[in-house]
Amino acid sequence: EVDGSPTDVRFRKTDLGNDGVIVEINADDNPWFPEVLKI
């Protein structure tokens, strides 16, 4: 929601190196995206 929120800074903008894996995933990436949500 907010660019620069504490969660955003700690887990998205900070390089976690070998300690973590953080990915972006949106509705188009879900092969089981429900029909009701498509509507």
PDB file of all heavy atoms in Angstrom:
ATOM      1  N   GLU A   1       0.832  -1.202   0.000  1.00  0.00           N
ATOM      2  CA  GLU A   1       0.000   0.000   0.000  1.00  0.00           C
ATOM      3  C   GLU A   1       0.866   1.251   0.000  1.00  0.00           C
ATOM      4  O   GLU A   1       0.764   2.079  -0.900  1.00  0.00           O
ATOM      5  CB  GLU A   1      -0.947   0.010   1.196  1.00  0.00           C
ATOM      6  CG  GLU A   1      -1.873   1.211   1.207  1.00  0.00           C
ATOM      7  CD  GLU A   1      -3.028   1.073   2.178  1.00  0.00           C
ATOM      8  OE1 GLU A   1      -3.156   0.008   2.811  1.00  0.00           O
ATOM      9  OE2 GLU A   1      -3.812   2.036   2.285  1.00  0.00           O
ATOM     10  N   VAL A   2       1.753   1.368   0.984  1.00  0.00           N
ATOM     11  CA  VAL A   2       2.570   2.567   1.111  1.00  0.00           C
ATOM     12  C   VAL A   2       4.008   2.262   0.704  1.00  0.00           C
ATOM     13  O   VAL A   2       4.635   1.359   1.262  1.00  0.00           O
ATOM     14  CB  VAL A   2       2.545   3.109   2.553  1.00  0.00           C
ATOM     15  CG1 VAL A   2       3.446   4.335   2.680  1.00  0.00           C
ATOM     16  CG2 VAL A   2       1.120   3.441   2.971  1.00  0.00           C
ATOM     17  N   ASP A   3       4.505   3.000  -0.266  1.00  0.00           N
ATOM     18  CA  ASP A   3       5.905   2.882  -0.665  1.00  0.00           C
ATOM     19  C   ASP A   3       6.775   3.382   0.488  1.00  0.00           C
ATOM     20  O   ASP A   3       6.743   4.557   0.844  1.00  0.00           O
ATOM     21  CB  ASP A   3       6.143   3.727  -1.916  1.00  0.00           C
ATOM     22  CG  ASP A   3       7.544   3.565  -2.492  1.00  0.00           C
ATOM     23  OD1 ASP A   3       8.366   2.864  -1.870  1.00  0.00           O
ATOM     24  OD2 ASP A   3       7.817   4.138  -3.555  1.00  0.00           O
ATOM     25  N   GLY A   4       7.553   2.472   1.089  1.00  0.00           N
ATOM     26  CA  GLY A   4       8.398   2.849   2.209  1.00  0.00           C
ATOM     27  C   GLY A   4       7.821   2.503   3.564  1.00  0.00           C
ATOM     28  O   GLY A   4       8.352   2.952   4.595  1.00  0.00           O
ATOM     29  N   SER A   5       6.756   1.713   3.611  1.00  0.00           N
ATOM     30  CA  SER A   5       6.235   1.250   4.896  1.00  0.00           C
ATOM     31  C   SER A   5       7.292   0.373   5.567  1.00  0.00           C
ATOM     32  O   SER A   5       8.189  -0.153   4.898  1.00  0.00           O
ATOM     33  CB  SER A   5       4.947   0.454   4.705  1.00  0.00           C
ATOM     34  OG  SER A   5       5.223  -0.801   4.091  1.00  0.00           O
ATOM     35  N   PRO A   6       7.229   0.186   6.891  1.00  0.00           N
ATOM     36  CA  PRO A   6       8.241  -0.642   7.569  1.00  0.00           C
ATOM     37  C   PRO A   6       8.369  -2.046   6.975  1.00  0.00           C
ATOM     38  O   PRO A   6       9.483  -2.561   6.826  1.00  0.00           O
ATOM     39  CB  PRO A   6       7.734  -0.685   9.020  1.00  0.00           C
ATOM     40  CG  PRO A   6       7.011   0.599   9.187  1.00  0.00           C
ATOM     41  CD  PRO A   6       6.338   0.849   7.869  1.00  0.00           C
ATOM     42  N   THR A   7       7.258  -2.659   6.621  1.00  0.00           N
ATOM     43  CA  THR A   7       7.319  -3.992   6.005  1.00  0.00           C
ATOM     44  C   THR A   7       7.953  -3.918   4.630  1.00  0.00           C
ATOM     45  O   THR A   7       8.779  -4.767   4.260  1.00  0.00           O
ATOM     46  CB  THR A   7       5.904  -4.591   5.912  1.00  0.00           C
ATOM     47  OG1 THR A   7       5.367  -4.726   7.230  1.00  0.00           O
ATOM     48  CG2 THR A   7       5.933  -5.957   5.236  1.00  0.00           C
ATOM     49  N   ASP A   8       7.586  -2.915   3.862  1.00  0.00           N
ATOM     50  CA  ASP A   8       8.140  -2.712   2.525  1.00  0.00           C
ATOM     51  C   ASP A   8       9.650  -2.542   2.581  1.00  0.00           C
ATOM     52  O   ASP A   8      10.393  -3.163   1.815  1.00  0.00           O
ATOM     53  CB  ASP A   8       7.475  -1.476   1.903  1.00  0.00           C
ATOM     54  CG  ASP A   8       7.933  -1.195   0.481  1.00  0.00           C
ATOM     55  OD1 ASP A   8       7.616  -1.993  -0.407  1.00  0.00           O
ATOM     56  OD2 ASP A   8       8.606  -0.177   0.276  1.00  0.00           O
ATOM     57  N   VAL A   9      10.104  -1.699   3.492  1.00  0.00           N
ATOM     58  CA  VAL A   9      11.541  -1.434   3.612  1.00  0.00           C
ATOM     59  C   VAL A   9      12.290  -2.679   4.083  1.00  0.00           C
ATOM     60  O   VAL A   9      13.349  -3.036   3.542  1.00  0.00           O
ATOM     61  CB  VAL A   9      11.792  -0.266   4.584  1.00  0.00           C
ATOM     62  CG1 VAL A   9      13.281  -0.133   4.893  1.00  0.00           C
ATOM     63  CG2 VAL A   9      11.250   1.036   3.988  1.00  0.00           C
ATOM     64  N   ARG A  10      11.755  -3.370   5.054  1.00  0.00           N
ATOM     65  CA  ARG A  10      12.465  -4.482   5.678  1.00  0.00           C
ATOM     66  C   ARG A  10      12.543  -5.712   4.775  1.00  0.00           C
ATOM     67  O   ARG A  10      13.572  -6.397   4.746  1.00  0.00           O
ATOM     68  CB  ARG A  10      11.784  -4.850   6.999  1.00  0.00           C
ATOM     69  CG  ARG A  10      12.517  -5.906   7.807  1.00  0.00           C
ATOM     70  CD  ARG A  10      11.817  -6.118   9.144  1.00  0.00           C
ATOM     71  NE  ARG A  10      11.955  -4.983  10.016  1.00  0.00           N
ATOM     72  CZ  ARG A  10      12.968  -4.796  10.858  1.00  0.00           C
ATOM     73  NH1 ARG A  10      13.953  -5.690  10.916  1.00  0.00           N
ATOM     74  NH2 ARG A  10      13.010  -3.730  11.633  1.00  0.00           N
ATOM     75  N   PHE A  11      11.482  -5.978   4.011  1.00  0.00           N
ATOM     76  CA  PHE A  11      11.440  -7.237   3.268  1.00  0.00           C
ATOM     77  C   PHE A  11      11.432  -7.090   1.753  1.00  0.00           C
ATOM     78  O   PHE A  11      11.656  -8.070   1.048  1.00  0.00           O
ATOM     79  CB  PHE A  11      10.215  -8.044   3.695  1.00  0.00           C
ATOM     80  CG  PHE A  11      10.256  -8.477   5.126  1.00  0.00           C
ATOM     81  CD1 PHE A  11       9.467  -7.848   6.075  1.00  0.00           C
ATOM     82  CD2 PHE A  11      11.105  -9.494   5.531  1.00  0.00           C
ATOM     83  CE1 PHE A  11       9.506  -8.237   7.409  1.00  0.00           C
ATOM     84  CE2 PHE A  11      11.158  -9.889   6.864  1.00  0.00           C
ATOM     85  CZ  PHE A  11      10.358  -9.256   7.803  1.00  0.00           C
ATOM     86  N   ARG A  12      11.194  -5.897   1.243  1.00  0.00           N
ATOM     87  CA  ARG A  12      11.175  -5.712  -0.215  1.00  0.00           C
ATOM     88  C   ARG A  12      12.336  -4.865  -0.696  1.00  0.00           C
ATOM     89  O   ARG A  12      12.969  -5.190  -1.700  1.00  0.00           O
ATOM     90  CB  ARG A  12       9.846  -5.070  -0.632  1.00  0.00           C
ATOM     91  CG  ARG A  12       9.692  -4.875  -2.135  1.00  0.00           C
ATOM     92  CD  ARG A  12       8.310  -4.328  -2.468  1.00  0.00           C
ATOM     93  NE  ARG A  12       8.143  -4.083  -3.882  1.00  0.00           N
ATOM     94  CZ  ARG A  12       7.008  -3.636  -4.437  1.00  0.00           C
ATOM     95  NH1 ARG A  12       5.948  -3.414  -3.683  1.00  0.00           N
ATOM     96  NH2 ARG A  12       6.946  -3.429  -5.743  1.00  0.00           N
ATOM     97  N   LYS A  13      12.621  -3.799   0.003  1.00  0.00           N
ATOM     98  CA  LYS A  13      13.668  -2.888  -0.443  1.00  0.00           C
ATOM     99  C   LYS A  13      15.044  -3.247   0.103  1.00  0.00           C
ATOM    100  O   LYS A  13      16.056  -2.736  -0.380  1.00  0.00           O
ATOM    101  CB  LYS A  13      13.314  -1.444  -0.057  1.00  0.00           C
ATOM    102  CG  LYS A  13      12.059  -0.923  -0.735  1.00  0.00           C
ATOM    103  CD  LYS A  13      11.839   0.538  -0.437  1.00  0.00           C
ATOM    104  CE  LYS A  13      10.566   1.067  -1.061  1.00  0.00           C
ATOM    105  NZ  LYS A  13      10.502   0.906  -2.513  1.00  0.00           N
ATOM    106  N   THR A  14      15.095  -4.114   1.106  1.00  0.00           N
ATOM    107  CA  THR A  14      16.365  -4.530   1.690  1.00  0.00           C
ATOM    108  C   THR A  14      16.801  -5.860   1.089  1.00  0.00           C
ATOM    109  O   THR A  14      16.001  -6.785   0.980  1.00  0.00           O
ATOM    110  CB  THR A  14      16.237  -4.687   3.217  1.00  0.00           C
ATOM    111  OG1 THR A  14      15.850  -3.438   3.782  1.00  0.00           O
ATOM    112  CG2 THR A  14      17.563  -5.121   3.836  1.00  0.00           C
ATOM    113  N   ASP A  15      18.034  -5.932   0.676  1.00  0.00           N
ATOM    114  CA  ASP A  15      18.574  -7.175   0.116  1.00  0.00           C
ATOM    115  C   ASP A  15      18.801  -8.172   1.249  1.00  0.00           C
ATOM    116  O   ASP A  15      19.652  -7.971   2.111  1.00  0.00           O
ATOM    117  CB  ASP A  15      19.880  -6.883  -0.622  1.00  0.00           C
ATOM    118  CG  ASP A  15      20.462  -8.122  -1.309  1.00  0.00           C
ATOM    119  OD1 ASP A  15      19.796  -9.179  -1.289  1.00  0.00           O
ATOM    120  OD2 ASP A  15      21.574  -8.027  -1.858  1.00  0.00           O
ATOM    121  N   LEU A  16      18.044  -9.245   1.228  1.00  0.00           N
ATOM    122  CA  LEU A  16      18.165 -10.264   2.277  1.00  0.00           C
ATOM    123  C   LEU A  16      19.279 -11.263   1.986  1.00  0.00           C
ATOM    124  O   LEU A  16      19.566 -12.120   2.826  1.00  0.00           O
ATOM    125  CB  LEU A  16      16.836 -11.010   2.432  1.00  0.00           C
ATOM    126  CG  LEU A  16      15.623 -10.150   2.846  1.00  0.00           C
ATOM    127  CD1 LEU A  16      14.361 -10.994   2.843  1.00  0.00           C
ATOM    128  CD2 LEU A  16      15.853  -9.524   4.212  1.00  0.00           C
ATOM    129  N   GLY A  17      19.884 -11.162   0.820  1.00  0.00           N
ATOM    130  CA  GLY A  17      20.978 -12.065   0.470  1.00  0.00           C
ATOM    131  C   GLY A  17      20.538 -13.517   0.486  1.00  0.00           C
ATOM    132  O   GLY A  17      19.464 -13.872   0.005  1.00  0.00           O
ATOM    133  N   ASN A  18      21.363 -14.354   1.060  1.00  0.00           N
ATOM    134  CA  ASN A  18      21.063 -15.788   1.135  1.00  0.00           C
ATOM    135  C   ASN A  18      20.123 -16.148   2.273  1.00  0.00           C
ATOM    136  O   ASN A  18      19.784 -17.318   2.461  1.00  0.00           O
ATOM    137  CB  ASN A  18      22.362 -16.586   1.282  1.00  0.00           C
ATOM    138  CG  ASN A  18      23.219 -16.514   0.041  1.00  0.00           C
ATOM    139  OD1 ASN A  18      22.707 -16.469  -1.078  1.00  0.00           O
ATOM    140  ND2 ASN A  18      24.540 -16.493   0.226  1.00  0.00           N
ATOM    141  N   ASP A  19      19.698 -15.130   3.038  1.00  0.00           N
ATOM    142  CA  ASP A  19      18.847 -15.405   4.197  1.00  0.00           C
ATOM    143  C   ASP A  19      17.372 -15.528   3.845  1.00  0.00           C
ATOM    144  O   ASP A  19      16.587 -15.979   4.684  1.00  0.00           O
ATOM    145  CB  ASP A  19      19.009 -14.303   5.252  1.00  0.00           C
ATOM    146  CG  ASP A  19      20.388 -14.326   5.886  1.00  0.00           C
ATOM    147  OD1 ASP A  19      20.995 -15.409   5.930  1.00  0.00           O
ATOM    148  OD2 ASP A  19      20.845 -13.263   6.317  1.00  0.00           O
ATOM    149  N   GLY A  20      16.979 -15.099   2.641  1.00  0.00           N
ATOM    150  CA  GLY A  20      15.557 -15.114   2.361  1.00  0.00           C
ATOM    151  C   GLY A  20      15.194 -15.108   0.897  1.00  0.00           C
ATOM    152  O   GLY A  20      16.019 -14.806   0.030  1.00  0.00           O
ATOM    153  N   VAL A  21      13.941 -15.458   0.635  1.00  0.00           N
ATOM    154  CA  VAL A  21      13.366 -15.405  -0.703  1.00  0.00           C
ATOM    155  C   VAL A  21      12.021 -14.686  -0.595  1.00  0.00           C
ATOM    156  O   VAL A  21      11.091 -15.175   0.053  1.00  0.00           O
ATOM    157  CB  VAL A  21      13.151 -16.805  -1.304  1.00  0.00           C
ATOM    158  CG1 VAL A  21      12.545 -16.696  -2.703  1.00  0.00           C
ATOM    159  CG2 VAL A  21      14.448 -17.586  -1.357  1.00  0.00           C
ATOM    160  N   ILE A  22      11.927 -13.517  -1.225  1.00  0.00           N
ATOM    161  CA  ILE A  22      10.702 -12.731  -1.241  1.00  0.00           C
ATOM    162  C   ILE A  22      10.326 -12.501  -2.701  1.00  0.00           C
ATOM    163  O   ILE A  22      11.157 -12.054  -3.488  1.00  0.00           O
ATOM    164  CB  ILE A  22      10.879 -11.373  -0.536  1.00  0.00           C
ATOM    165  CG1 ILE A  22      11.513 -11.541   0.857  1.00  0.00           C
ATOM    166  CG2 ILE A  22       9.549 -10.639  -0.452  1.00  0.00           C
ATOM    167  CD1 ILE A  22      10.652 -12.208   1.883  1.00  0.00           C
ATOM    168  N   VAL A  23       9.076 -12.788  -3.074  1.00  0.00           N
ATOM    169  CA  VAL A  23       8.666 -12.646  -4.468  1.00  0.00           C
ATOM    170  C   VAL A  23       7.400 -11.806  -4.567  1.00  0.00           C
ATOM    171  O   VAL A  23       6.641 -11.673  -3.603  1.00  0.00           O
ATOM    172  CB  VAL A  23       8.413 -14.017  -5.133  1.00  0.00           C
ATOM    173  CG1 VAL A  23       9.668 -14.882  -5.091  1.00  0.00           C
ATOM    174  CG2 VAL A  23       7.239 -14.741  -4.488  1.00  0.00           C
ATOM    175  N   GLU A  24       7.195 -11.258  -5.744  1.00  0.00           N
ATOM    176  CA  GLU A  24       5.937 -10.572  -6.052  1.00  0.00           C
ATOM    177  C   GLU A  24       5.020 -11.534  -6.782  1.00  0.00           C
ATOM    178  O   GLU A  24       5.444 -12.249  -7.694  1.00  0.00           O
ATOM    179  CB  GLU A  24       6.178  -9.341  -6.922  1.00  0.00           C
ATOM    180  CG  GLU A  24       4.898  -8.608  -7.300  1.00  0.00           C
ATOM    181  CD  GLU A  24       5.129  -7.362  -8.134  1.00  0.00           C
ATOM    182  OE1 GLU A  24       6.293  -7.112  -8.524  1.00  0.00           O
ATOM    183  OE2 GLU A  24       4.148  -6.636  -8.405  1.00  0.00           O
ATOM    184  N   ILE A  25       3.767 -11.566  -6.394  1.00  0.00           N
ATOM    185  CA  ILE A  25       2.786 -12.416  -7.064  1.00  0.00           C
ATOM    186  C   ILE A  25       1.447 -11.694  -7.094  1.00  0.00           C
ATOM    187  O   ILE A  25       0.992 -11.167  -6.078  1.00  0.00           O
ATOM    188  CB  ILE A  25       2.667 -13.799  -6.380  1.00  0.00           C
ATOM    189  CG1 ILE A  25       1.662 -14.677  -7.130  1.00  0.00           C
ATOM    190  CG2 ILE A  25       2.302 -13.674  -4.908  1.00  0.00           C
ATOM    191  CD1 ILE A  25       1.692 -16.129  -6.695  1.00  0.00           C
ATOM    192  N   ASN A  26       0.841 -11.657  -8.287  1.00  0.00           N
ATOM    193  CA  ASN A  26      -0.423 -10.960  -8.453  1.00  0.00           C
ATOM    194  C   ASN A  26      -1.493 -11.893  -9.026  1.00  0.00           C
ATOM    195  O   ASN A  26      -1.226 -13.067  -9.294  1.00  0.00           O
ATOM    196  CB  ASN A  26      -0.221  -9.736  -9.350  1.00  0.00           C
ATOM    197  CG  ASN A  26       0.686  -8.709  -8.707  1.00  0.00           C
ATOM    198  OD1 ASN A  26       0.472  -8.319  -7.561  1.00  0.00           O
ATOM    199  ND2 ASN A  26       1.723  -8.277  -9.423  1.00  0.00           N
ATOM    200  N   ALA A  27      -2.671 -11.364  -9.212  1.00  0.00           N
ATOM    201  CA  ALA A  27      -3.808 -12.188  -9.631  1.00  0.00           C
ATOM    202  C   ALA A  27      -3.520 -12.948 -10.919  1.00  0.00           C
ATOM    203  O   ALA A  27      -3.897 -14.116 -11.064  1.00  0.00           O
ATOM    204  CB  ALA A  27      -5.041 -11.305  -9.789  1.00  0.00           C
ATOM    205  N   ASP A  28      -2.835 -12.315 -11.863  1.00  0.00           N
ATOM    206  CA  ASP A  28      -2.551 -12.967 -13.141  1.00  0.00           C
ATOM    207  C   ASP A  28      -1.582 -14.139 -12.995  1.00  0.00           C
ATOM    208  O   ASP A  28      -1.439 -14.940 -13.922  1.00  0.00           O
ATOM    209  CB  ASP A  28      -1.973 -11.957 -14.136  1.00  0.00           C
ATOM    210  CG  ASP A  28      -3.036 -10.993 -14.651  1.00  0.00           C
ATOM    211  OD1 ASP A  28      -4.230 -11.344 -14.591  1.00  0.00           O
ATOM    212  OD2 ASP A  28      -2.673  -9.891 -15.109  1.00  0.00           O
ATOM    213  N   ASP A  29      -0.912 -14.227 -11.853  1.00  0.00           N
ATOM    214  CA  ASP A  29       0.038 -15.318 -11.621  1.00  0.00           C
ATOM    215  C   ASP A  29      -0.607 -16.538 -10.969  1.00  0.00           C
ATOM    216  O   ASP A  29       0.062 -17.542 -10.749  1.00  0.00           O
ATOM    217  CB  ASP A  29       1.186 -14.828 -10.721  1.00  0.00           C
ATOM    218  CG  ASP A  29       1.919 -13.638 -11.316  1.00  0.00           C
ATOM    219  OD1 ASP A  29       2.258 -13.703 -12.511  1.00  0.00           O
ATOM    220  OD2 ASP A  29       2.144 -12.651 -10.595  1.00  0.00           O
ATOM    221  N   ASN A  30      -1.883 -16.444 -10.666  1.00  0.00           N
ATOM    222  CA  ASN A  30      -2.587 -17.534  -9.998  1.00  0.00           C
ATOM    223  C   ASN A  30      -3.345 -18.380 -11.015  1.00  0.00           C
ATOM    224  O   ASN A  30      -4.361 -17.937 -11.556  1.00  0.00           O
ATOM    225  CB  ASN A  30      -3.566 -16.968  -8.959  1.00  0.00           C
ATOM    226  CG  ASN A  30      -4.277 -18.063  -8.183  1.00  0.00           C
ATOM    227  OD1 ASN A  30      -4.016 -19.249  -8.361  1.00  0.00           O
ATOM    228  ND2 ASN A  30      -5.192 -17.661  -7.306  1.00  0.00           N
ATOM    229  N   PRO A  31      -2.888 -19.598 -11.310  1.00  0.00           N
ATOM    230  CA  PRO A  31      -3.585 -20.431 -12.302  1.00  0.00           C
ATOM    231  C   PRO A  31      -4.961 -20.877 -11.856  1.00  0.00           C
ATOM    232  O   PRO A  31      -5.748 -21.362 -12.674  1.00  0.00           O
ATOM    233  CB  PRO A  31      -2.641 -21.627 -12.481  1.00  0.00           C
ATOM    234  CG  PRO A  31      -1.789 -21.654 -11.263  1.00  0.00           C
ATOM    235  CD  PRO A  31      -1.679 -20.244 -10.779  1.00  0.00           C
ATOM    236  N   TRP A  32      -5.283 -20.715 -10.572  1.00  0.00           N
ATOM    237  CA  TRP A  32      -6.599 -21.088 -10.047  1.00  0.00           C
ATOM    238  C   TRP A  32      -7.399 -19.858  -9.634  1.00  0.00           C
ATOM    239  O   TRP A  32      -8.236 -19.915  -8.743  1.00  0.00           O
ATOM    240  CB  TRP A  32      -6.442 -22.043  -8.869  1.00  0.00           C
ATOM    241  CG  TRP A  32      -5.635 -23.259  -9.234  1.00  0.00           C
ATOM    242  CD1 TRP A  32      -6.051 -24.344  -9.959  1.00  0.00           C
ATOM    243  CD2 TRP A  32      -4.265 -23.502  -8.914  1.00  0.00           C
ATOM    244  NE1 TRP A  32      -5.021 -25.239 -10.113  1.00  0.00           N
ATOM    245  CE2 TRP A  32      -3.908 -24.761  -9.478  1.00  0.00           C
ATOM    246  CE3 TRP A  32      -3.290 -22.795  -8.207  1.00  0.00           C
ATOM    247  CZ2 TRP A  32      -2.637 -25.305  -9.351  1.00  0.00           C
ATOM    248  CZ3 TRP A  32      -2.023 -23.333  -8.086  1.00  0.00           C
ATOM    249  CH2 TRP A  32      -1.705 -24.575  -8.649  1.00  0.00           C
ATOM    250  N   PHE A  33      -7.153 -18.748 -10.305  1.00  0.00           N
ATOM    251  CA  PHE A  33      -7.862 -17.513  -9.984  1.00  0.00           C
ATOM    252  C   PHE A  33      -9.369 -17.747 -10.132  1.00  0.00           C
ATOM    253  O   PHE A  33      -9.845 -18.111 -11.200  1.00  0.00           O
ATOM    254  CB  PHE A  33      -7.400 -16.400 -10.919  1.00  0.00           C
ATOM    255  CG  PHE A  33      -7.916 -15.034 -10.566  1.00  0.00           C
ATOM    256  CD1 PHE A  33      -7.590 -14.448  -9.365  1.00  0.00           C
ATOM    257  CD2 PHE A  33      -8.733 -14.341 -11.445  1.00  0.00           C
ATOM    258  CE1 PHE A  33      -8.052 -13.186  -9.038  1.00  0.00           C
ATOM    259  CE2 PHE A  33      -9.212 -13.079 -11.138  1.00  0.00           C
ATOM    260  CZ  PHE A  33      -8.866 -12.502  -9.919  1.00  0.00           C
ATOM    261  N   PRO A  34     -10.143 -17.545  -9.059  1.00  0.00           N
ATOM    262  CA  PRO A  34     -11.568 -17.910  -9.078  1.00  0.00           C
ATOM    263  C   PRO A  34     -12.390 -17.090 -10.074  1.00  0.00           C
ATOM    264  O   PRO A  34     -12.126 -15.903 -10.284  1.00  0.00           O
ATOM    265  CB  PRO A  34     -12.020 -17.614  -7.643  1.00  0.00           C
ATOM    266  CG  PRO A  34     -10.767 -17.520  -6.836  1.00  0.00           C
ATOM    267  CD  PRO A  34      -9.715 -17.029  -7.758  1.00  0.00           C
ATOM    268  N   GLU A  35     -13.375 -17.734 -10.656  1.00  0.00           N
ATOM    269  CA  GLU A  35     -14.236 -17.070 -11.625  1.00  0.00           C
ATOM    270  C   GLU A  35     -14.968 -15.889 -10.998  1.00  0.00           C
ATOM    271  O   GLU A  35     -15.143 -14.841 -11.632  1.00  0.00           O
ATOM    272  CB  GLU A  35     -15.249 -18.072 -12.183  1.00  0.00           C
ATOM    273  CG  GLU A  35     -16.065 -17.536 -13.352  1.00  0.00           C
ATOM    274  CD  GLU A  35     -15.205 -17.225 -14.571  1.00  0.00           C
ATOM    275  OE1 GLU A  35     -14.210 -17.931 -14.792  1.00  0.00           O
ATOM    276  OE2 GLU A  35     -15.552 -16.262 -15.299  1.00  0.00           O
ATOM    277  N   VAL A  36     -15.380 -16.034  -9.738  1.00  0.00           N
ATOM    278  CA  VAL A  36     -16.100 -14.947  -9.086  1.00  0.00           C
ATOM    279  C   VAL A  36     -15.214 -13.710  -8.945  1.00  0.00           C
ATOM    280  O   VAL A  36     -15.692 -12.569  -9.069  1.00  0.00           O
ATOM    281  CB  VAL A  36     -16.626 -15.400  -7.699  1.00  0.00           C
ATOM    282  CG1 VAL A  36     -15.470 -15.725  -6.745  1.00  0.00           C
ATOM    283  CG2 VAL A  36     -17.534 -14.334  -7.096  1.00  0.00           C
ATOM    284  N   LEU A  37     -13.913 -13.917  -8.726  1.00  0.00           N
ATOM    285  CA  LEU A  37     -13.001 -12.775  -8.643  1.00  0.00           C
ATOM    286  C   LEU A  37     -12.695 -12.197 -10.020  1.00  0.00           C
ATOM    287  O   LEU A  37     -12.404 -11.003 -10.140  1.00  0.00           O
ATOM    288  CB  LEU A  37     -11.708 -13.171  -7.933  1.00  0.00           C
ATOM    289  CG  LEU A  37     -11.811 -13.401  -6.425  1.00  0.00           C
ATOM    290  CD1 LEU A  37     -10.431 -13.644  -5.824  1.00  0.00           C
ATOM    291  CD2 LEU A  37     -12.468 -12.215  -5.723  1.00  0.00           C
ATOM    292  N   LYS A  38     -12.761 -13.028 -11.059  1.00  0.00           N
ATOM    293  CA  LYS A  38     -12.592 -12.506 -12.428  1.00  0.00           C
ATOM    294  C   LYS A  38     -13.694 -11.498 -12.730  1.00  0.00           C
ATOM    295  O   LYS A  38     -13.446 -10.437 -13.317  1.00  0.00           O
ATOM    296  CB  LYS A  38     -12.625 -13.645 -13.438  1.00  0.00           C
ATOM    297  CG  LYS A  38     -11.415 -14.552 -13.417  1.00  0.00           C
ATOM    298  CD  LYS A  38     -11.535 -15.647 -14.465  1.00  0.00           C
ATOM    299  CE  LYS A  38     -10.346 -16.599 -14.404  1.00  0.00           C
ATOM    300  NZ  LYS A  38     -10.468 -17.695 -15.404  1.00  0.00           N
ATOM    301  N   ILE A  39     -14.911 -11.825 -12.316  1.00  0.00           N
ATOM    302  CA  ILE A  39     -16.039 -10.915 -12.528  1.00  0.00           C
ATOM    303  C   ILE A  39     -15.843  -9.639 -11.718  1.00  0.00           C
ATOM    304  O   ILE A  39     -16.064  -8.524 -12.196  1.00  0.00           O
ATOM    305  CB  ILE A  39     -17.355 -11.616 -12.136  1.00  0.00           C
ATOM    306  CG1 ILE A  39     -17.602 -12.818 -13.059  1.00  0.00           C
ATOM    307  CG2 ILE A  39     -18.528 -10.637 -12.203  1.00  0.00           C
ATOM    308  CD1 ILE A  39     -18.756 -13.695 -12.617  1.00  0.00           C
TER     309      ILE A  39
END
